[in-house]
Amino acid sequence: MKKILISVFILFFIATLPMMAMSKRKMTTKKLPYTGTVVNFPKGSESYVIIPDGEPSKRLWVETLDNRFKKDGMKVEFIGVETAPKPNVRMKGAPYKLKMIQEKK
């Protein structure tokens, strides 16, 4: 009976090793901060969106973007979360809540 329990424990441990290794790998490969370009959208208006690098069709609309970052074509690094859009409202981009933004050098 002891041999069976020990065998089951060893097999369980061996089976869970790859899952443990994958979970550690996921935690260490975060890509932060994101990079993107601030764009005046629609052109000539007073609103600005951030277009993330690598996703040219995505627009992130930040309601509280500071005036010093409202420059068409400015490269920025930013951290934040995408929020839910307001119901029945046409948005300029996906609503985004910034936690940090800085000019990319």
C-alpha atoms as a PDB file:
ATOM      1  CA  MET A   1       0.000   0.000   0.000  1.00  0.00           C
ATOM      2  CA  LYS A   2       2.832   2.403   0.863  1.00  0.00           C
ATOM      3  CA  LYS A   3       4.526   1.695  -2.477  1.00  0.00           C
ATOM      4  CA  ILE A   4       1.337   2.618  -4.352  1.00  0.00           C
ATOM      5  CA  LEU A   5       0.935   5.891  -2.439  1.00  0.00           C
ATOM      6  CA  ILE A   6       4.574   6.810  -2.984  1.00  0.00           C
ATOM      7  CA  SER A   7       4.282   5.974  -6.698  1.00  0.00           C
ATOM      8  CA  VAL A   8       1.140   8.122  -7.052  1.00  0.00           C
ATOM      9  CA  PHE A   9       2.807  11.024  -5.231  1.00  0.00           C
ATOM     10  CA  ILE A  10       5.914  10.841  -7.443  1.00  0.00           C
ATOM     11  CA  LEU A  11       3.819  10.675 -10.642  1.00  0.00           C
ATOM     12  CA  PHE A  12       1.697  13.630  -9.484  1.00  0.00           C
ATOM     13  CA  PHE A  13       4.824  15.659  -8.696  1.00  0.00           C
ATOM     14  CA  ILE A  14       6.371  14.868 -12.094  1.00  0.00           C
ATOM     15  CA  ALA A  15       3.117  15.788 -13.875  1.00  0.00           C
ATOM     16  CA  THR A  16       2.880  19.202 -12.161  1.00  0.00           C
ATOM     17  CA  LEU A  17       6.490  20.301 -12.763  1.00  0.00           C
ATOM     18  CA  PRO A  18       5.856  21.681 -16.292  1.00  0.00           C
ATOM     19  CA  MET A  19       2.827  23.683 -15.065  1.00  0.00           C
ATOM     20  CA  MET A  20       4.858  25.209 -12.235  1.00  0.00           C
ATOM     21  CA  ALA A  21       7.643  26.176 -14.641  1.00  0.00           C
ATOM     22  CA  MET A  22       5.162  27.813 -17.044  1.00  0.00           C
ATOM     23  CA  SER A  23       3.503  29.867 -14.318  1.00  0.00           C
ATOM     24  CA  LYS A  24       6.860  31.274 -13.201  1.00  0.00           C
ATOM     25  CA  ARG A  25       7.751  32.153 -16.800  1.00  0.00           C
ATOM     26  CA  LYS A  26       4.501  34.095 -17.292  1.00  0.00           C
ATOM     27  CA  MET A  27       5.147  36.278 -14.269  1.00  0.00           C
ATOM     28  CA  THR A  28       8.610  37.330 -15.444  1.00  0.00           C
ATOM     29  CA  THR A  29       7.752  38.232 -19.071  1.00  0.00           C
ATOM     30  CA  LYS A  30       5.660  41.378 -18.538  1.00  0.00           C
ATOM     31  CA  LYS A  31       6.007  43.997 -21.251  1.00  0.00           C
ATOM     32  CA  LEU A  32       5.684  47.266 -19.344  1.00  0.00           C
ATOM     33  CA  PRO A  33       5.606  50.105 -20.013  1.00  0.00           C
ATOM     34  CA  TYR A  34       3.882  50.059 -23.402  1.00  0.00           C
ATOM     35  CA  THR A  35       5.006  52.435 -26.129  1.00  0.00           C
ATOM     36  CA  GLY A  36       2.907  54.386 -28.593  1.00  0.00           C
ATOM     37  CA  THR A  37       2.296  57.617 -30.459  1.00  0.00           C
ATOM     38  CA  VAL A  38      -0.010  60.460 -29.453  1.00  0.00           C
ATOM     39  CA  VAL A  39      -2.213  61.482 -32.391  1.00  0.00           C
ATOM     40  CA  ASN A  40      -4.698  64.343 -32.841  1.00  0.00           C
ATOM     41  CA  PHE A  41      -7.950  62.552 -33.738  1.00  0.00           C
ATOM     42  CA  PRO A  42      -9.942  63.618 -35.642  1.00  0.00           C
ATOM     43  CA  LYS A  43      -7.416  65.986 -37.226  1.00  0.00           C
ATOM     44  CA  GLY A  44      -7.937  69.595 -36.203  1.00  0.00           C
ATOM     45  CA  SER A  45      -9.965  68.750 -33.079  1.00  0.00           C
ATOM     46  CA  GLU A  46      -8.958  69.197 -29.459  1.00  0.00           C
ATOM     47  CA  SER A  47      -8.964  65.476 -28.672  1.00  0.00           C
ATOM     48  CA  TYR A  48      -5.992  63.127 -28.710  1.00  0.00           C
ATOM     49  CA  VAL A  49      -5.627  59.337 -28.735  1.00  0.00           C
ATOM     50  CA  ILE A  50      -2.664  57.029 -28.193  1.00  0.00           C
ATOM     51  CA  ILE A  51      -1.908  54.482 -30.895  1.00  0.00           C
ATOM     52  CA  PRO A  52       0.103  51.605 -29.380  1.00  0.00           C
ATOM     53  CA  ASP A  53       3.196  50.462 -31.289  1.00  0.00           C
ATOM     54  CA  GLY A  54       2.476  47.206 -33.096  1.00  0.00           C
ATOM     55  CA  GLU A  55      -1.305  47.828 -33.156  1.00  0.00           C
ATOM     56  CA  PRO A  56      -1.911  50.622 -35.716  1.00  0.00           C
ATOM     57  CA  SER A  57      -5.667  49.980 -35.904  1.00  0.00           C
ATOM     58  CA  LYS A  58      -6.190  50.421 -32.135  1.00  0.00           C
ATOM     59  CA  ARG A  59      -6.860  53.824 -30.588  1.00  0.00           C
ATOM     60  CA  LEU A  60      -6.742  54.436 -26.844  1.00  0.00           C
ATOM     61  CA  TRP A  61      -8.728  57.462 -25.709  1.00  0.00           C
ATOM     62  CA  VAL A  62      -7.515  59.068 -22.488  1.00  0.00           C
ATOM     63  CA  GLU A  63     -10.000  61.557 -21.081  1.00  0.00           C
ATOM     64  CA  THR A  64      -7.504  63.180 -18.705  1.00  0.00           C
ATOM     65  CA  LEU A  65      -4.433  63.439 -20.935  1.00  0.00           C
ATOM     66  CA  ASP A  66      -2.185  66.206 -19.616  1.00  0.00           C
ATOM     67  CA  ASN A  67      -1.641  69.189 -21.943  1.00  0.00           C
ATOM     68  CA  ARG A  68       2.114  68.598 -22.125  1.00  0.00           C
ATOM     69  CA  PHE A  69       1.429  65.276 -23.925  1.00  0.00           C
ATOM     70  CA  LYS A  70      -1.058  66.742 -26.416  1.00  0.00           C
ATOM     71  CA  LYS A  71       1.434  66.967 -29.267  1.00  0.00           C
ATOM     72  CA  ASP A  72       0.652  65.203 -32.533  1.00  0.00           C
ATOM     73  CA  GLY A  73       3.308  62.559 -33.235  1.00  0.00           C
ATOM     74  CA  MET A  74       4.857  62.503 -29.740  1.00  0.00           C
ATOM     75  CA  LYS A  75       6.300  59.092 -28.794  1.00  0.00           C
ATOM     76  CA  VAL A  76       5.315  58.025 -25.270  1.00  0.00           C
ATOM     77  CA  GLU A  77       5.707  55.179 -22.795  1.00  0.00           C
ATOM     78  CA  PHE A  78       2.616  54.479 -20.728  1.00  0.00           C
ATOM     79  CA  ILE A  79       1.023  52.122 -18.231  1.00  0.00           C
ATOM     80  CA  GLY A  80      -2.703  51.809 -17.622  1.00  0.00           C
ATOM     81  CA  VAL A  81      -5.822  49.729 -18.096  1.00  0.00           C
ATOM     82  CA  GLU A  82      -8.483  49.648 -20.765  1.00  0.00           C
ATOM     83  CA  THR A  83     -11.894  50.394 -19.263  1.00  0.00           C
ATOM     84  CA  ALA A  84     -15.415  49.548 -20.382  1.00  0.00           C
ATOM     85  CA  PRO A  85     -16.970  51.973 -22.877  1.00  0.00           C
ATOM     86  CA  LYS A  86     -20.047  53.959 -21.887  1.00  0.00           C
ATOM     87  CA  PRO A  87     -23.250  52.386 -23.237  1.00  0.00           C
ATOM     88  CA  ASN A  88     -24.791  53.966 -26.357  1.00  0.00           C
ATOM     89  CA  VAL A  89     -21.889  56.409 -26.829  1.00  0.00           C
ATOM     90  CA  ARG A  90     -19.676  56.493 -29.908  1.00  0.00           C
ATOM     91  CA  MET A  91     -16.105  56.790 -28.657  1.00  0.00           C
ATOM     92  CA  LYS A  92     -12.994  58.119 -30.424  1.00  0.00           C
ATOM     93  CA  GLY A  93     -11.121  55.066 -29.192  1.00  0.00           C
ATOM     94  CA  ALA A  94     -11.149  52.449 -26.460  1.00  0.00           C
ATOM     95  CA  PRO A  95     -11.423  54.223 -23.081  1.00  0.00           C
ATOM     96  CA  TYR A  96      -8.101  53.981 -21.257  1.00  0.00           C
ATOM     97  CA  LYS A  97      -7.195  54.951 -17.697  1.00  0.00           C
ATOM     98  CA  LEU A  98      -3.551  56.018 -17.429  1.00  0.00           C
ATOM     99  CA  LYS A  99      -1.468  55.177 -14.388  1.00  0.00           C
ATOM    100  CA  MET A 100       1.774  56.596 -15.791  1.00  0.00           C
ATOM    101  CA  ILE A 101       2.863  58.342 -18.985  1.00  0.00           C
ATOM    102  CA  GLN A 102       6.185  59.841 -20.027  1.00  0.00           C
ATOM    103  CA  GLU A 103       7.816  61.021 -23.211  1.00  0.00           C
ATOM    104  CA  LYS A 104       9.921  58.306 -24.861  1.00  0.00           C
ATOM    105  CA  LYS A 105      13.536  59.324 -25.333  1.00  0.00           C
END
